Amino acid sequence: MQPLMPKATAVWLVENTSLTFDQIGEFCGLHPLEVQAIADGEVAVQMIGVDPIANGQLTMAEIERCQKDPEARLKLLESAHPEPMVRHKGPRYTPIAKRQDKPDAIAWLVKNHPELSDSQISKLVGTTKPTIQAVRDRSHWNTTNIKPRHPVALGLCTLEELEAAVKRANRGKKTESGEPVEVKVEAPTYESEDTPAG
């Protein structure tokens, strides 16, 4: 793991410590010659150094330990590693600007894929079952303004997610002739914003 902004960190370490070019290079993921070029003012001339102590990536004690022993290597503080991003179960966050698009996406899904369950629609669009029900039975407060629009075109889910949900909903279903149901998900057509709604 490297520090954030490795070159700027190297500039600070060159200017403020007596660490060897090898030590700085290894810590910052740079070649020792590159560190030497920073020290000679040939590289990163106008770059402002970033203090790795102030931003919690190193301690002064760690720098002092390595200054005493040229063979020692700086270790990035554990707390300097950002927490890994974990995808939480539950409704996904939708930016406010996209929230009014959800009923349109629900209307499109209900119309084009009646086989999808409310829980599948809720997962795809990031909405609640009461909202889906309100769109289905046209009791939604904004029913007059809802136009079915493709959820992928609205950026509420990916085509892959939609296809997977439709496949799951049709799993095991057969047509009247006994053939498995063929799953077709149409790709969205992106209309430009200024075309009048027809």
C-alpha atoms as a PDB file:
ATOM      1  CA  MET A   1       0.000   0.000   0.000  1.00  0.00           C
ATOM      2  CA  GLN A   2       1.256   3.451  -0.916  1.00  0.00           C
ATOM      3  CA  PRO A   3       0.509   6.735   0.817  1.00  0.00           C
ATOM      4  CA  LEU A   4      -1.998   9.107  -0.754  1.00  0.00           C
ATOM      5  CA  MET A   5      -0.306  11.463  -3.231  1.00  0.00           C
ATOM      6  CA  PRO A   6       3.000   9.538  -3.187  1.00  0.00           C
ATOM      7  CA  LYS A   7       5.046  12.131  -5.092  1.00  0.00           C
ATOM      8  CA  ALA A   8       3.961  15.012  -2.838  1.00  0.00           C
ATOM      9  CA  THR A   9       4.683  12.808   0.199  1.00  0.00           C
ATOM     10  CA  ALA A  10       8.155  12.068  -1.217  1.00  0.00           C
ATOM     11  CA  VAL A  11       8.757  15.837  -1.623  1.00  0.00           C
ATOM     12  CA  TRP A  12       7.919  16.363   2.075  1.00  0.00           C
ATOM     13  CA  LEU A  13      10.093  13.435   3.208  1.00  0.00           C
ATOM     14  CA  VAL A  14      13.062  14.674   1.119  1.00  0.00           C
ATOM     15  CA  GLU A  15      12.722  18.204   2.567  1.00  0.00           C
ATOM     16  CA  ASN A  16      12.000  17.278   6.195  1.00  0.00           C
ATOM     17  CA  THR A  17      13.825  14.029   6.993  1.00  0.00           C
ATOM     18  CA  SER A  18      17.223  12.395   6.596  1.00  0.00           C
ATOM     19  CA  LEU A  19      15.727   9.167   5.186  1.00  0.00           C
ATOM     20  CA  THR A  20      17.626   7.543   2.306  1.00  0.00           C
ATOM     21  CA  PHE A  21      16.341   7.777  -1.260  1.00  0.00           C
ATOM     22  CA  ASP A  22      15.765   4.009  -1.118  1.00  0.00           C
ATOM     23  CA  GLN A  23      13.586   4.318   1.988  1.00  0.00           C
ATOM     24  CA  ILE A  24      11.535   7.179   0.586  1.00  0.00           C
ATOM     25  CA  GLY A  25      11.290   5.490  -2.825  1.00  0.00           C
ATOM     26  CA  GLU A  26      10.078   2.212  -1.373  1.00  0.00           C
ATOM     27  CA  PHE A  27       7.511   3.906   0.873  1.00  0.00           C
ATOM     28  CA  CYS A  28       6.167   6.125  -1.906  1.00  0.00           C
ATOM     29  CA  GLY A  29       6.358   3.561  -4.721  1.00  0.00           C
ATOM     30  CA  LEU A  30       8.962   5.592  -6.627  1.00  0.00           C
ATOM     31  CA  HIS A  31      12.350   4.622  -8.036  1.00  0.00           C
ATOM     32  CA  PRO A  32      15.271   5.856  -5.851  1.00  0.00           C
ATOM     33  CA  LEU A  33      16.560   7.842  -8.865  1.00  0.00           C
ATOM     34  CA  GLU A  34      13.208   9.609  -9.083  1.00  0.00           C
ATOM     35  CA  VAL A  35      13.515  10.513  -5.389  1.00  0.00           C
ATOM     36  CA  GLN A  36      17.056  11.771  -6.062  1.00  0.00           C
ATOM     37  CA  ALA A  37      15.710  13.898  -8.940  1.00  0.00           C
ATOM     38  CA  ILE A  38      13.158  15.383  -6.498  1.00  0.00           C
ATOM     39  CA  ALA A  39      15.992  16.146  -4.068  1.00  0.00           C
ATOM     40  CA  ASP A  40      18.053  17.730  -6.878  1.00  0.00           C
ATOM     41  CA  GLY A  41      15.092  19.909  -7.866  1.00  0.00           C
ATOM     42  CA  GLU A  42      14.772  18.308 -11.317  1.00  0.00           C
ATOM     43  CA  VAL A  43      11.357  16.740 -10.689  1.00  0.00           C
ATOM     44  CA  ALA A  44       8.249  18.007  -8.868  1.00  0.00           C
ATOM     45  CA  VAL A  45       9.812  21.479  -8.725  1.00  0.00           C
ATOM     46  CA  GLN A  46       6.671  23.445  -7.863  1.00  0.00           C
ATOM     47  CA  MET A  47       5.012  20.579  -5.986  1.00  0.00           C
ATOM     48  CA  ILE A  48       4.061  21.308  -2.403  1.00  0.00           C
ATOM     49  CA  GLY A  49       5.014  18.494  -0.067  1.00  0.00           C
ATOM     50  CA  VAL A  50       2.279  16.640   1.809  1.00  0.00           C
ATOM     51  CA  ASP A  51       2.999  15.872   5.458  1.00  0.00           C
ATOM     52  CA  PRO A  52       2.293  12.141   6.015  1.00  0.00           C
ATOM     53  CA  ILE A  53       2.288  12.692   9.796  1.00  0.00           C
ATOM     54  CA  ALA A  54      -0.412  15.388   9.648  1.00  0.00           C
ATOM     55  CA  ASN A  55      -2.651  13.238   7.440  1.00  0.00           C
ATOM     56  CA  GLY A  56      -2.274  10.186   9.668  1.00  0.00           C
ATOM     57  CA  GLN A  57      -0.209   7.962   7.367  1.00  0.00           C
ATOM     58  CA  LEU A  58       3.030   7.924   9.388  1.00  0.00           C
ATOM     59  CA  THR A  59       4.194   8.707  12.913  1.00  0.00           C
ATOM     60  CA  MET A  60       7.264  10.737  13.842  1.00  0.00           C
ATOM     61  CA  ALA A  61       8.477   7.705  15.807  1.00  0.00           C
ATOM     62  CA  GLU A  62       8.350   5.598  12.624  1.00  0.00           C
ATOM     63  CA  ILE A  63      10.366   8.220  10.696  1.00  0.00           C
ATOM     64  CA  GLU A  64      12.937   8.418  13.533  1.00  0.00           C
ATOM     65  CA  ARG A  65      13.223   4.621  13.648  1.00  0.00           C
ATOM     66  CA  CYS A  66      14.068   4.515   9.932  1.00  0.00           C
ATOM     67  CA  GLN A  67      16.405   7.508  10.067  1.00  0.00           C
ATOM     68  CA  LYS A  68      18.559   5.579  12.599  1.00  0.00           C
ATOM     69  CA  ASP A  69      18.670   2.447  10.417  1.00  0.00           C
ATOM     70  CA  PRO A  70      19.053   2.898   6.621  1.00  0.00           C
ATOM     71  CA  GLU A  71      18.001  -0.744   6.126  1.00  0.00           C
ATOM     72  CA  ALA A  72      14.673  -0.225   7.940  1.00  0.00           C
ATOM     73  CA  ARG A  73      11.543   0.398   5.883  1.00  0.00           C
ATOM     74  CA  LEU A  74       8.737   2.825   6.669  1.00  0.00           C
ATOM     75  CA  LYS A  75       5.393   1.211   7.453  1.00  0.00           C
ATOM     76  CA  LEU A  76       2.127   2.949   6.582  1.00  0.00           C
ATOM     77  CA  LEU A  77      -0.182   3.231   9.608  1.00  0.00           C
ATOM     78  CA  GLU A  78      -3.045   0.716   9.587  1.00  0.00           C
ATOM     79  CA  SER A  79      -5.523   3.555  10.119  1.00  0.00           C
ATOM     80  CA  ALA A  80      -4.298   5.129   6.864  1.00  0.00           C
ATOM     81  CA  HIS A  81      -6.054   2.439   4.840  1.00  0.00           C
ATOM     82  CA  PRO A  82      -9.554   3.611   3.913  1.00  0.00           C
ATOM     83  CA  GLU A  83     -12.381   1.304   4.962  1.00  0.00           C
ATOM     84  CA  PRO A  84     -13.349  -1.003   2.098  1.00  0.00           C
ATOM     85  CA  MET A  85     -16.625  -0.052   0.456  1.00  0.00           C
ATOM     86  CA  VAL A  86     -19.298  -2.519   1.513  1.00  0.00           C
ATOM     87  CA  ARG A  87     -22.508  -2.840  -0.468  1.00  0.00           C
ATOM     88  CA  HIS A  88     -25.246  -2.907   2.141  1.00  0.00           C
ATOM     89  CA  LYS A  89     -28.357  -4.994   1.779  1.00  0.00           C
ATOM     90  CA  GLY A  90     -31.495  -2.932   1.637  1.00  0.00           C
ATOM     91  CA  PRO A  91     -32.711  -0.121  -0.579  1.00  0.00           C
ATOM     92  CA  ARG A  92     -30.052   1.538  -2.673  1.00  0.00           C
ATOM     93  CA  TYR A  93     -29.555   5.281  -2.381  1.00  0.00           C
ATOM     94  CA  THR A  94     -31.009   7.244  -5.252  1.00  0.00           C
ATOM     95  CA  PRO A  95     -30.019  10.882  -5.828  1.00  0.00           C
ATOM     96  CA  ILE A  96     -32.904  13.299  -5.238  1.00  0.00           C
ATOM     97  CA  ALA A  97     -32.900  14.315  -8.907  1.00  0.00           C
ATOM     98  CA  LYS A  98     -33.687  10.716  -9.909  1.00  0.00           C
ATOM     99  CA  ARG A  99     -36.344  10.021  -7.282  1.00  0.00           C
ATOM    100  CA  GLN A 100     -39.202  11.453  -9.312  1.00  0.00           C
ATOM    101  CA  ASP A 101     -38.191   9.031 -12.102  1.00  0.00           C
ATOM    102  CA  LYS A 102     -38.969   5.964 -10.005  1.00  0.00           C
ATOM    103  CA  PRO A 103     -42.756   5.896 -10.627  1.00  0.00           C
ATOM    104  CA  ASP A 104     -42.070   6.145 -14.398  1.00  0.00           C
ATOM    105  CA  ALA A 105     -39.676   3.183 -14.165  1.00  0.00           C
ATOM    106  CA  ILE A 106     -42.202   1.191 -12.088  1.00  0.00           C
ATOM    107  CA  ALA A 107     -44.931   1.915 -14.657  1.00  0.00           C
ATOM    108  CA  TRP A 108     -42.637   0.677 -17.464  1.00  0.00           C
ATOM    109  CA  LEU A 109     -41.755  -2.520 -15.583  1.00  0.00           C
ATOM    110  CA  VAL A 110     -45.392  -3.247 -14.677  1.00  0.00           C
ATOM    111  CA  LYS A 111     -46.443  -2.724 -18.306  1.00  0.00           C
ATOM    112  CA  ASN A 112     -43.555  -4.534 -20.046  1.00  0.00           C
ATOM    113  CA  HIS A 113     -42.715  -7.228 -17.496  1.00  0.00           C
ATOM    114  CA  PRO A 114     -45.872  -8.165 -15.585  1.00  0.00           C
ATOM    115  CA  GLU A 115     -44.079 -11.372 -14.506  1.00  0.00           C
ATOM    116  CA  LEU A 116     -41.824  -9.398 -12.136  1.00  0.00           C
ATOM    117  CA  SER A 117     -42.833  -9.547  -8.471  1.00  0.00           C
ATOM    118  CA  ASP A 118     -43.131  -6.377  -6.394  1.00  0.00           C
ATOM    119  CA  SER A 119     -40.036  -7.372  -4.446  1.00  0.00           C
ATOM    120  CA  GLN A 120     -38.032  -7.717  -7.700  1.00  0.00           C
ATOM    121  CA  ILE A 121     -39.222  -4.305  -8.922  1.00  0.00           C
ATOM    122  CA  SER A 122     -38.473  -2.833  -5.505  1.00  0.00           C
ATOM    123  CA  LYS A 123     -34.897  -4.191  -5.661  1.00  0.00           C
ATOM    124  CA  LEU A 124     -34.308  -3.059  -9.265  1.00  0.00           C
ATOM    125  CA  VAL A 125     -35.580   0.485  -8.868  1.00  0.00           C
ATOM    126  CA  GLY A 126     -34.807   0.959  -5.169  1.00  0.00           C
ATOM    127  CA  THR A 127     -38.398   1.701  -4.142  1.00  0.00           C
ATOM    128  CA  THR A 128     -41.033   0.427  -1.715  1.00  0.00           C
ATOM    129  CA  LYS A 129     -43.878  -2.026  -2.262  1.00  0.00           C
ATOM    130  CA  PRO A 130     -46.586   0.550  -1.361  1.00  0.00           C
ATOM    131  CA  THR A 131     -45.221   2.838  -4.109  1.00  0.00           C
ATOM    132  CA  ILE A 132     -45.325  -0.032  -6.630  1.00  0.00           C
ATOM    133  CA  GLN A 133     -48.890  -0.855  -5.568  1.00  0.00           C
ATOM    134  CA  ALA A 134     -49.915   2.803  -5.921  1.00  0.00           C
ATOM    135  CA  VAL A 135     -48.502   2.911  -9.471  1.00  0.00           C
ATOM    136  CA  ARG A 136     -50.190  -0.413 -10.345  1.00  0.00           C
ATOM    137  CA  ASP A 137     -53.641   0.635  -9.170  1.00  0.00           C
ATOM    138  CA  ARG A 138     -53.180   4.251 -10.309  1.00  0.00           C
ATOM    139  CA  SER A 139     -53.671   5.632  -6.791  1.00  0.00           C
ATOM    140  CA  HIS A 140     -50.217   7.266  -6.820  1.00  0.00           C
ATOM    141  CA  TRP A 141     -50.392  10.971  -5.920  1.00  0.00           C
ATOM    142  CA  ASN A 142     -48.716  11.866  -9.225  1.00  0.00           C
ATOM    143  CA  THR A 143     -50.547   9.386 -11.495  1.00  0.00           C
ATOM    144  CA  THR A 144     -51.453  12.004 -14.119  1.00  0.00           C
ATOM    145  CA  ASN A 145     -47.761  12.772 -14.737  1.00  0.00           C
ATOM    146  CA  ILE A 146     -46.394   9.201 -14.740  1.00  0.00           C
ATOM    147  CA  LYS A 147     -45.136   8.083 -18.164  1.00  0.00           C
ATOM    148  CA  PRO A 148     -43.668   4.582 -18.452  1.00  0.00           C
ATOM    149  CA  ARG A 149     -39.924   5.020 -19.049  1.00  0.00           C
ATOM    150  CA  HIS A 150     -37.190   2.385 -19.255  1.00  0.00           C
ATOM    151  CA  PRO A 151     -35.428   2.083 -15.842  1.00  0.00           C
ATOM    152  CA  VAL A 152     -32.045   1.537 -17.543  1.00  0.00           C
ATOM    153  CA  ALA A 153     -32.422   4.772 -19.533  1.00  0.00           C
ATOM    154  CA  LEU A 154     -33.232   6.519 -16.248  1.00  0.00           C
ATOM    155  CA  GLY A 155     -30.057   5.104 -14.685  1.00  0.00           C
ATOM    156  CA  LEU A 156     -31.949   3.288 -11.929  1.00  0.00           C
ATOM    157  CA  CYS A 157     -30.586  -0.170 -12.779  1.00  0.00           C
ATOM    158  CA  THR A 158     -28.390  -1.854 -15.384  1.00  0.00           C
ATOM    159  CA  LEU A 159     -29.653  -3.900 -18.325  1.00  0.00           C
ATOM    160  CA  GLU A 160     -27.858  -6.936 -16.822  1.00  0.00           C
ATOM    161  CA  GLU A 161     -29.730  -6.541 -13.511  1.00  0.00           C
ATOM    162  CA  LEU A 162     -33.045  -6.216 -15.359  1.00  0.00           C
ATOM    163  CA  GLU A 163     -32.353  -9.261 -17.557  1.00  0.00           C
ATOM    164  CA  ALA A 164     -31.370 -11.340 -14.519  1.00  0.00           C
ATOM    165  CA  ALA A 165     -34.586 -10.371 -12.692  1.00  0.00           C
ATOM    166  CA  VAL A 166     -36.761 -11.213 -15.729  1.00  0.00           C
ATOM    167  CA  LYS A 167     -34.967 -14.560 -16.169  1.00  0.00           C
ATOM    168  CA  ARG A 168     -35.568 -15.376 -12.498  1.00  0.00           C
ATOM    169  CA  ALA A 169     -39.238 -14.418 -12.795  1.00  0.00           C
ATOM    170  CA  ASN A 170     -39.666 -16.684 -15.852  1.00  0.00           C
ATOM    171  CA  ARG A 171     -37.655 -19.617 -14.532  1.00  0.00           C
ATOM    172  CA  GLY A 172     -39.615 -22.829 -14.963  1.00  0.00           C
ATOM    173  CA  LYS A 173     -42.491 -21.148 -16.858  1.00  0.00           C
ATOM    174  CA  LYS A 174     -43.586 -22.690 -20.138  1.00  0.00           C
ATOM    175  CA  THR A 175     -45.612 -21.431 -23.082  1.00  0.00           C
ATOM    176  CA  GLU A 176     -48.887 -23.133 -24.090  1.00  0.00           C
ATOM    177  CA  SER A 177     -46.951 -25.387 -26.464  1.00  0.00           C
ATOM    178  CA  GLY A 178     -44.738 -26.521 -23.564  1.00  0.00           C
ATOM    179  CA  GLU A 179     -41.670 -24.535 -24.676  1.00  0.00           C
ATOM    180  CA  PRO A 180     -39.701 -22.628 -22.029  1.00  0.00           C
ATOM    181  CA  VAL A 181     -40.608 -18.930 -22.025  1.00  0.00           C
ATOM    182  CA  GLU A 182     -38.106 -16.944 -24.062  1.00  0.00           C
ATOM    183  CA  VAL A 183     -36.853 -13.947 -22.127  1.00  0.00           C
ATOM    184  CA  LYS A 184     -36.561 -10.728 -24.112  1.00  0.00           C
ATOM    185  CA  VAL A 185     -35.593  -7.473 -22.465  1.00  0.00           C
ATOM    186  CA  GLU A 186     -35.587  -4.515 -24.786  1.00  0.00           C
ATOM    187  CA  ALA A 187     -32.671  -2.143 -24.502  1.00  0.00           C
ATOM    188  CA  PRO A 188     -33.622   1.429 -23.697  1.00  0.00           C
ATOM    189  CA  THR A 189     -33.977   4.086 -26.347  1.00  0.00           C
ATOM    190  CA  TYR A 190     -32.594   7.354 -25.114  1.00  0.00           C
ATOM    191  CA  GLU A 191     -34.812  10.245 -26.088  1.00  0.00           C
ATOM    192  CA  SER A 192     -33.327  13.691 -25.996  1.00  0.00           C
ATOM    193  CA  GLU A 193     -34.677  15.882 -23.235  1.00  0.00           C
ATOM    194  CA  ASP A 194     -36.237  18.449 -25.553  1.00  0.00           C
ATOM    195  CA  THR A 195     -38.399  16.102 -27.639  1.00  0.00           C
ATOM    196  CA  PRO A 196     -42.034  16.750 -26.811  1.00  0.00           C
ATOM    197  CA  ALA A 197     -43.737  13.826 -25.118  1.00  0.00           C
ATOM    198  CA  GLY A 198     -46.063  12.274 -27.658  1.00  0.00           C
END
